[in-house]
Amino acid sequence: MISFFMTFSDPADTRRISSDDLAEAAAMIGSVPGLTEGLLFTPLEYPVEHPYKADGPGPAFAIQLRFPDLVACEAALDRSGIIADLAAGAGLPSLAGLDIAHQVMVTRSFPVDVAEHPEGTTTPCSYLVHYPGPADNLNAWHLHYLEHHPRIMRTFPNVRQVEIYSGIDWVDRLPSRREAHMQRNKLLFDSPTALSHALTSDVIKRMRADFVQFPPFAGGNKHFPMLTKVVRP
């Protein structure tokens, strides 16, 4: 599985996507050829406690588009397509002028105890994490992370999804800025409150204990809680 990420960033953290533009973005993304699923990420309406609040503002808006393979993804990144319009800032006036960046990555999904949201869930919330890198030995870094961290992540209370994304080479003609983060992660919860409860539990101590065992790397990491809306083709 391949994931395409695009972020719309406002360093001042004053911009938000309007409800009309969010509906337009959902309609645009639902029409992307070859798409298997789209996810729209927006900032929380109110802050919640989590261990990395000092990481600063997250994106004003972000998307994750899933494709079955790299060929389908690259085909959707054509300069005349829907994603190219988003990359040029077209169709979403409330986000005009923001920094737009994108990246294509390999998706690794890991099992959780219960993946389904309870009936009546209305505000699922993702914890988006990225590691810019680089690592001294990227292969050794990924090997350690994939062998140890997901096993701890799945023990967070009521985590519904654990995914890790690794960087790959890809081609596109998009006008937005290309990013090259060595890794991204996503944890999904039922709500911002559920996310906060999980990430302030004792599990975070095990995460930190493993973190200090990582092979050497630079660039640190960033963590952002984001409301999550699913879009089907």
C-alpha atoms as a PDB file:
ATOM      1  CA  MET A   1       0.000   0.000   0.000  1.00  0.00           C
ATOM      2  CA  ILE A   2       1.200   3.503  -0.899  1.00  0.00           C
ATOM      3  CA  SER A   3       0.266   6.702   0.961  1.00  0.00           C
ATOM      4  CA  PHE A   4       0.462  10.212  -0.460  1.00  0.00           C
ATOM      5  CA  PHE A   5       0.687  12.995   2.139  1.00  0.00           C
ATOM      6  CA  MET A   6       0.048  16.693   1.565  1.00  0.00           C
ATOM      7  CA  THR A   7       0.213  19.365   4.262  1.00  0.00           C
ATOM      8  CA  PHE A   8      -0.910  22.994   4.294  1.00  0.00           C
ATOM      9  CA  SER A   9       1.134  24.786   6.951  1.00  0.00           C
ATOM     10  CA  ASP A  10       0.637  28.116   8.711  1.00  0.00           C
ATOM     11  CA  PRO A  11       3.541  28.838  11.113  1.00  0.00           C
ATOM     12  CA  ALA A  12       1.437  31.494  12.859  1.00  0.00           C
ATOM     13  CA  ASP A  13      -1.276  28.888  13.572  1.00  0.00           C
ATOM     14  CA  THR A  14      -4.076  31.342  12.803  1.00  0.00           C
ATOM     15  CA  ARG A  15      -5.553  29.814   9.642  1.00  0.00           C
ATOM     16  CA  ARG A  16      -8.198  27.113   9.489  1.00  0.00           C
ATOM     17  CA  ILE A  17      -9.919  25.491   6.537  1.00  0.00           C
ATOM     18  CA  SER A  18     -13.515  26.677   6.187  1.00  0.00           C
ATOM     19  CA  SER A  19     -16.403  24.221   6.311  1.00  0.00           C
ATOM     20  CA  ASP A  20     -17.187  24.947   2.661  1.00  0.00           C
ATOM     21  CA  ASP A  21     -13.588  24.296   1.622  1.00  0.00           C
ATOM     22  CA  LEU A  22     -13.487  21.104   3.681  1.00  0.00           C
ATOM     23  CA  ALA A  23     -16.555  19.835   1.827  1.00  0.00           C
ATOM     24  CA  GLU A  24     -14.971  20.855  -1.474  1.00  0.00           C
ATOM     25  CA  ALA A  25     -11.724  19.084  -0.574  1.00  0.00           C
ATOM     26  CA  ALA A  26     -13.668  15.914   0.247  1.00  0.00           C
ATOM     27  CA  ALA A  27     -15.464  16.070  -3.109  1.00  0.00           C
ATOM     28  CA  MET A  28     -12.218  16.655  -4.991  1.00  0.00           C
ATOM     29  CA  ILE A  29     -10.379  13.838  -3.216  1.00  0.00           C
ATOM     30  CA  GLY A  30     -13.257  11.406  -3.699  1.00  0.00           C
ATOM     31  CA  SER A  31     -12.813  11.860  -7.454  1.00  0.00           C
ATOM     32  CA  VAL A  32      -9.064  11.086  -7.567  1.00  0.00           C
ATOM     33  CA  PRO A  33      -8.501   8.186 -10.008  1.00  0.00           C
ATOM     34  CA  GLY A  34      -7.141   4.989  -8.462  1.00  0.00           C
ATOM     35  CA  LEU A  35      -7.791   6.109  -4.888  1.00  0.00           C
ATOM     36  CA  THR A  36      -8.730   3.435  -2.343  1.00  0.00           C
ATOM     37  CA  GLU A  37      -9.281   5.817   0.597  1.00  0.00           C
ATOM     38  CA  GLY A  38      -8.692   9.439   1.523  1.00  0.00           C
ATOM     39  CA  LEU A  39      -8.253  10.980   4.952  1.00  0.00           C
ATOM     40  CA  LEU A  40      -8.675  14.655   5.789  1.00  0.00           C
ATOM     41  CA  PHE A  41      -6.923  15.998   8.891  1.00  0.00           C
ATOM     42  CA  THR A  42      -7.923  19.233  10.608  1.00  0.00           C
ATOM     43  CA  PRO A  43      -6.738  20.842  13.873  1.00  0.00           C
ATOM     44  CA  LEU A  44      -8.592  20.121  17.100  1.00  0.00           C
ATOM     45  CA  GLU A  45     -11.333  22.533  18.078  1.00  0.00           C
ATOM     46  CA  TYR A  46      -9.908  22.648  21.613  1.00  0.00           C
ATOM     47  CA  PRO A  47      -6.477  21.635  22.984  1.00  0.00           C
ATOM     48  CA  VAL A  48      -5.968  18.359  24.821  1.00  0.00           C
ATOM     49  CA  GLU A  49      -3.159  17.076  26.988  1.00  0.00           C
ATOM     50  CA  HIS A  50      -0.526  14.984  25.251  1.00  0.00           C
ATOM     51  CA  PRO A  51       3.194  14.487  25.854  1.00  0.00           C
ATOM     52  CA  TYR A  52       4.466  16.675  23.005  1.00  0.00           C
ATOM     53  CA  LYS A  53       2.422  19.871  23.161  1.00  0.00           C
ATOM     54  CA  ALA A  54       5.700  21.810  22.874  1.00  0.00           C
ATOM     55  CA  ASP A  55       6.105  20.647  19.267  1.00  0.00           C
ATOM     56  CA  GLY A  56       4.143  23.709  18.164  1.00  0.00           C
ATOM     57  CA  PRO A  57       1.241  24.084  15.740  1.00  0.00           C
ATOM     58  CA  GLY A  58       0.426  21.265  13.381  1.00  0.00           C
ATOM     59  CA  PRO A  59      -0.722  21.797   9.812  1.00  0.00           C
ATOM     60  CA  ALA A  60      -3.779  23.924   9.140  1.00  0.00           C
ATOM     61  CA  PHE A  61      -4.946  21.074   6.929  1.00  0.00           C
ATOM     62  CA  ALA A  62      -3.488  17.762   5.751  1.00  0.00           C
ATOM     63  CA  ILE A  63      -4.519  14.845   3.603  1.00  0.00           C
ATOM     64  CA  GLN A  64      -3.490  11.204   3.263  1.00  0.00           C
ATOM     65  CA  LEU A  65      -4.455   9.411   0.066  1.00  0.00           C
ATOM     66  CA  ARG A  66      -4.126   5.629  -0.160  1.00  0.00           C
ATOM     67  CA  PHE A  67      -3.289   3.873  -3.427  1.00  0.00           C
ATOM     68  CA  PRO A  68      -2.837   0.155  -4.127  1.00  0.00           C
ATOM     69  CA  ASP A  69       0.629   0.676  -5.623  1.00  0.00           C
ATOM     70  CA  LEU A  70       3.151   3.288  -6.737  1.00  0.00           C
ATOM     71  CA  VAL A  71       2.031   3.194 -10.375  1.00  0.00           C
ATOM     72  CA  ALA A  72      -1.525   4.194  -9.437  1.00  0.00           C
ATOM     73  CA  CYS A  73      -0.238   6.911  -7.127  1.00  0.00           C
ATOM     74  CA  GLU A  74       2.111   8.463  -9.683  1.00  0.00           C
ATOM     75  CA  ALA A  75      -0.641   8.396 -12.300  1.00  0.00           C
ATOM     76  CA  ALA A  76      -2.827  10.481  -9.976  1.00  0.00           C
ATOM     77  CA  LEU A  77      -0.019  13.057  -9.572  1.00  0.00           C
ATOM     78  CA  ASP A  78      -0.205  14.200 -13.189  1.00  0.00           C
ATOM     79  CA  ARG A  79       0.133  17.958 -13.680  1.00  0.00           C
ATOM     80  CA  SER A  80      -3.441  18.230 -14.979  1.00  0.00           C
ATOM     81  CA  GLY A  81      -5.105  16.210 -12.216  1.00  0.00           C
ATOM     82  CA  ILE A  82      -7.058  16.917  -9.039  1.00  0.00           C
ATOM     83  CA  ILE A  83      -4.029  16.563  -6.766  1.00  0.00           C
ATOM     84  CA  ALA A  84      -2.133  19.057  -8.911  1.00  0.00           C
ATOM     85  CA  ASP A  85      -4.976  21.550  -8.373  1.00  0.00           C
ATOM     86  CA  LEU A  86      -4.690  21.073  -4.607  1.00  0.00           C
ATOM     87  CA  ALA A  87      -0.898  21.405  -4.809  1.00  0.00           C
ATOM     88  CA  ALA A  88      -1.328  24.746  -6.570  1.00  0.00           C
ATOM     89  CA  GLY A  89      -3.692  26.000  -3.879  1.00  0.00           C
ATOM     90  CA  ALA A  90      -6.687  25.951  -6.224  1.00  0.00           C
ATOM     91  CA  GLY A  91     -10.235  25.398  -4.997  1.00  0.00           C
ATOM     92  CA  LEU A  92      -9.594  26.048  -1.294  1.00  0.00           C
ATOM     93  CA  PRO A  93      -9.599  29.854  -0.821  1.00  0.00           C
ATOM     94  CA  SER A  94      -9.455  29.674   2.992  1.00  0.00           C
ATOM     95  CA  LEU A  95      -5.966  28.113   2.674  1.00  0.00           C
ATOM     96  CA  ALA A  96      -4.642  30.468  -0.008  1.00  0.00           C
ATOM     97  CA  GLY A  97      -0.990  31.394   0.379  1.00  0.00           C
ATOM     98  CA  LEU A  98      -0.034  28.640   2.828  1.00  0.00           C
ATOM     99  CA  ASP A  99       3.075  26.495   2.429  1.00  0.00           C
ATOM    100  CA  ILE A 100       2.082  23.256   0.672  1.00  0.00           C
ATOM    101  CA  ALA A 101       4.309  20.188   0.805  1.00  0.00           C
ATOM    102  CA  HIS A 102       3.896  16.572  -0.265  1.00  0.00           C
ATOM    103  CA  GLN A 103       5.500  13.139   0.033  1.00  0.00           C
ATOM    104  CA  VAL A 104       4.848   9.600  -1.189  1.00  0.00           C
ATOM    105  CA  MET A 105       5.599   6.772   1.261  1.00  0.00           C
ATOM    106  CA  VAL A 106       5.224   3.019   1.764  1.00  0.00           C
ATOM    107  CA  THR A 107       2.505   2.086   4.277  1.00  0.00           C
ATOM    108  CA  ARG A 108       3.050  -0.530   6.970  1.00  0.00           C
ATOM    109  CA  SER A 109      -0.045  -1.447   9.008  1.00  0.00           C
ATOM    110  CA  PHE A 110       0.179  -3.231  12.354  1.00  0.00           C
ATOM    111  CA  PRO A 111      -2.508  -5.155  14.246  1.00  0.00           C
ATOM    112  CA  VAL A 112      -4.492  -3.677  17.127  1.00  0.00           C
ATOM    113  CA  ASP A 113      -6.830  -5.417  19.548  1.00  0.00           C
ATOM    114  CA  VAL A 114     -10.021  -3.697  18.304  1.00  0.00           C
ATOM    115  CA  ALA A 115      -9.888  -1.697  15.075  1.00  0.00           C
ATOM    116  CA  GLU A 116     -13.551  -0.667  14.894  1.00  0.00           C
ATOM    117  CA  HIS A 117     -14.808   2.584  16.388  1.00  0.00           C
ATOM    118  CA  PRO A 118     -17.750   2.250  18.790  1.00  0.00           C
ATOM    119  CA  GLU A 119     -21.160   3.016  17.341  1.00  0.00           C
ATOM    120  CA  GLY A 120     -21.839   6.733  17.438  1.00  0.00           C
ATOM    121  CA  THR A 121     -18.204   7.852  17.077  1.00  0.00           C
ATOM    122  CA  THR A 122     -18.254  11.309  15.498  1.00  0.00           C
ATOM    123  CA  THR A 123     -14.809  12.826  16.081  1.00  0.00           C
ATOM    124  CA  PRO A 124     -12.053  10.255  15.412  1.00  0.00           C
ATOM    125  CA  CYS A 125      -8.634  11.702  16.129  1.00  0.00           C
ATOM    126  CA  SER A 126      -5.229  10.805  14.702  1.00  0.00           C
ATOM    127  CA  TYR A 127      -1.814  11.377  16.215  1.00  0.00           C
ATOM    128  CA  LEU A 128       0.394  12.344  13.260  1.00  0.00           C
ATOM    129  CA  VAL A 129       4.131  11.976  13.856  1.00  0.00           C
ATOM    130  CA  HIS A 130       7.070  12.584  11.548  1.00  0.00           C
ATOM    131  CA  TYR A 131      10.816  12.044  11.771  1.00  0.00           C
ATOM    132  CA  PRO A 132      12.646  14.347   9.324  1.00  0.00           C
ATOM    133  CA  GLY A 133      15.944  12.469   9.722  1.00  0.00           C
ATOM    134  CA  PRO A 134      18.536  11.635   8.696  1.00  0.00           C
ATOM    135  CA  ALA A 135      19.708   8.548  10.557  1.00  0.00           C
ATOM    136  CA  ASP A 136      23.356   7.532  10.653  1.00  0.00           C
ATOM    137  CA  ASN A 137      22.312   4.092   9.373  1.00  0.00           C
ATOM    138  CA  LEU A 138      18.785   4.260   7.981  1.00  0.00           C
ATOM    139  CA  ASN A 139      18.379   0.501   7.620  1.00  0.00           C
ATOM    140  CA  ALA A 140      19.429  -0.137  11.233  1.00  0.00           C
ATOM    141  CA  TRP A 141      17.123   2.665  12.416  1.00  0.00           C
ATOM    142  CA  HIS A 142      14.076   1.254  10.616  1.00  0.00           C
ATOM    143  CA  LEU A 143      14.868  -2.287  11.738  1.00  0.00           C
ATOM    144  CA  HIS A 144      14.940  -1.264  15.396  1.00  0.00           C
ATOM    145  CA  TYR A 145      11.829   0.908  15.125  1.00  0.00           C
ATOM    146  CA  LEU A 146       9.709  -1.665  13.296  1.00  0.00           C
ATOM    147  CA  GLU A 147      10.750  -4.504  15.578  1.00  0.00           C
ATOM    148  CA  HIS A 148      10.097  -2.676  18.847  1.00  0.00           C
ATOM    149  CA  HIS A 149       7.885   0.416  18.689  1.00  0.00           C
ATOM    150  CA  PRO A 150       4.670  -0.993  17.099  1.00  0.00           C
ATOM    151  CA  ARG A 151       4.438  -3.684  19.784  1.00  0.00           C
ATOM    152  CA  ILE A 152       4.317  -0.930  22.382  1.00  0.00           C
ATOM    153  CA  MET A 153       1.985   1.310  20.353  1.00  0.00           C
ATOM    154  CA  ARG A 154      -0.717  -1.370  20.170  1.00  0.00           C
ATOM    155  CA  THR A 155      -0.930  -1.366  23.983  1.00  0.00           C
ATOM    156  CA  PHE A 156      -2.207   2.214  24.105  1.00  0.00           C
ATOM    157  CA  PRO A 157      -5.767   2.083  25.489  1.00  0.00           C
ATOM    158  CA  ASN A 158      -8.337   1.823  22.678  1.00  0.00           C
ATOM    159  CA  VAL A 159      -5.939   2.548  19.826  1.00  0.00           C
ATOM    160  CA  ARG A 160      -7.797   1.754  16.584  1.00  0.00           C
ATOM    161  CA  GLN A 161      -4.974   1.899  14.052  1.00  0.00           C
ATOM    162  CA  VAL A 162      -1.174   1.794  14.041  1.00  0.00           C
ATOM    163  CA  GLU A 163       0.561   2.705  10.794  1.00  0.00           C
ATOM    164  CA  ILE A 164       4.189   3.490   9.970  1.00  0.00           C
ATOM    165  CA  TYR A 165       5.278   5.068   6.689  1.00  0.00           C
ATOM    166  CA  SER A 166       8.751   4.843   5.150  1.00  0.00           C
ATOM    167  CA  GLY A 167      10.219   7.108   2.504  1.00  0.00           C
ATOM    168  CA  ILE A 168      10.607   5.943  -1.113  1.00  0.00           C
ATOM    169  CA  ASP A 169      11.629   7.433  -4.470  1.00  0.00           C
ATOM    170  CA  TRP A 170       8.772   8.656  -6.643  1.00  0.00           C
ATOM    171  CA  VAL A 171       8.178  11.032  -9.562  1.00  0.00           C
ATOM    172  CA  ASP A 172       5.617  13.821  -9.924  1.00  0.00           C
ATOM    173  CA  ARG A 173       5.024  17.152 -11.629  1.00  0.00           C
ATOM    174  CA  LEU A 174       3.280  18.860  -8.718  1.00  0.00           C
ATOM    175  CA  PRO A 175       3.987  22.538  -8.010  1.00  0.00           C
ATOM    176  CA  SER A 176       4.077  22.008  -4.227  1.00  0.00           C
ATOM    177  CA  ARG A 177       7.281  21.414  -2.258  1.00  0.00           C
ATOM    178  CA  ARG A 178       8.576  17.841  -2.034  1.00  0.00           C
ATOM    179  CA  GLU A 179       9.410  16.558   1.455  1.00  0.00           C
ATOM    180  CA  ALA A 180      11.735  13.689   2.347  1.00  0.00           C
ATOM    181  CA  HIS A 181      10.924  12.723   5.929  1.00  0.00           C
ATOM    182  CA  MET A 182      12.545   9.391   6.715  1.00  0.00           C
ATOM    183  CA  GLN A 183       9.396   8.232   8.534  1.00  0.00           C
ATOM    184  CA  ARG A 184       5.853   9.153   9.503  1.00  0.00           C
ATOM    185  CA  ASN A 185       3.534   7.404  11.975  1.00  0.00           C
ATOM    186  CA  LYS A 186      -0.187   7.521  12.662  1.00  0.00           C
ATOM    187  CA  LEU A 187      -2.146   6.336  15.686  1.00  0.00           C
ATOM    188  CA  LEU A 188      -5.946   6.544  15.465  1.00  0.00           C
ATOM    189  CA  PHE A 189      -8.332   6.957  18.409  1.00  0.00           C
ATOM    190  CA  ASP A 190     -12.086   7.447  18.864  1.00  0.00           C
ATOM    191  CA  SER A 191     -11.872  11.107  19.903  1.00  0.00           C
ATOM    192  CA  PRO A 192      -9.442  13.800  21.109  1.00  0.00           C
ATOM    193  CA  THR A 193     -10.311  12.795  24.690  1.00  0.00           C
ATOM    194  CA  ALA A 194      -9.488   9.149  23.960  1.00  0.00           C
ATOM    195  CA  LEU A 195      -6.197  10.185  22.362  1.00  0.00           C
ATOM    196  CA  SER A 196      -5.269  12.267  25.387  1.00  0.00           C
ATOM    197  CA  HIS A 197      -6.190   9.453  27.787  1.00  0.00           C
ATOM    198  CA  ALA A 198      -4.042   6.967  25.879  1.00  0.00           C
ATOM    199  CA  LEU A 199      -1.008   9.202  25.406  1.00  0.00           C
ATOM    200  CA  THR A 200      -0.926  10.262  29.049  1.00  0.00           C
ATOM    201  CA  SER A 201      -1.109   6.638  30.235  1.00  0.00           C
ATOM    202  CA  ASP A 202       1.845   4.625  31.528  1.00  0.00           C
ATOM    203  CA  VAL A 203       2.399   3.228  28.033  1.00  0.00           C
ATOM    204  CA  ILE A 204       4.225   6.433  27.142  1.00  0.00           C
ATOM    205  CA  LYS A 205       6.958   5.466  29.624  1.00  0.00           C
ATOM    206  CA  ARG A 206       7.657   2.310  27.630  1.00  0.00           C
ATOM    207  CA  MET A 207       7.696   4.348  24.421  1.00  0.00           C
ATOM    208  CA  ARG A 208      10.284   6.718  25.881  1.00  0.00           C
ATOM    209  CA  ALA A 209      12.387   3.838  27.217  1.00  0.00           C
ATOM    210  CA  ASP A 210      12.547   2.393  23.707  1.00  0.00           C
ATOM    211  CA  PHE A 211      13.175   5.818  22.150  1.00  0.00           C
ATOM    212  CA  VAL A 212      16.499   6.184  23.957  1.00  0.00           C
ATOM    213  CA  GLN A 213      17.561   2.856  22.416  1.00  0.00           C
ATOM    214  CA  PHE A 214      17.089   4.087  18.827  1.00  0.00           C
ATOM    215  CA  PRO A 215      20.187   3.990  16.612  1.00  0.00           C
ATOM    216  CA  PRO A 216      21.664   7.514  16.181  1.00  0.00           C
ATOM    217  CA  PHE A 217      19.592   9.965  14.137  1.00  0.00           C
ATOM    218  CA  ALA A 218      19.138  13.714  13.694  1.00  0.00           C
ATOM    219  CA  GLY A 219      16.146  15.955  13.167  1.00  0.00           C
ATOM    220  CA  GLY A 220      14.074  14.931  16.186  1.00  0.00           C
ATOM    221  CA  ASN A 221      10.357  14.292  15.694  1.00  0.00           C
ATOM    222  CA  LYS A 222       7.029  16.137  15.723  1.00  0.00           C
ATOM    223  CA  HIS A 223       3.637  15.041  17.055  1.00  0.00           C
ATOM    224  CA  PHE A 224       0.253  16.575  16.167  1.00  0.00           C
ATOM    225  CA  PRO A 225      -3.279  15.471  17.178  1.00  0.00           C
ATOM    226  CA  MET A 226      -5.698  16.011  14.283  1.00  0.00           C
ATOM    227  CA  LEU A 227      -9.414  15.388  13.741  1.00  0.00           C
ATOM    228  CA  THR A 228      -9.848  12.786  10.999  1.00  0.00           C
ATOM    229  CA  LYS A 229     -12.467  12.455   8.273  1.00  0.00           C
ATOM    230  CA  VAL A 230     -12.551   9.469   5.910  1.00  0.00           C
ATOM    231  CA  VAL A 231     -13.388   9.960   2.227  1.00  0.00           C
ATOM    232  CA  ARG A 232     -14.305   7.011   0.009  1.00  0.00           C
ATOM    233  CA  PRO A 233     -13.832   7.064  -3.768  1.00  0.00           C
END
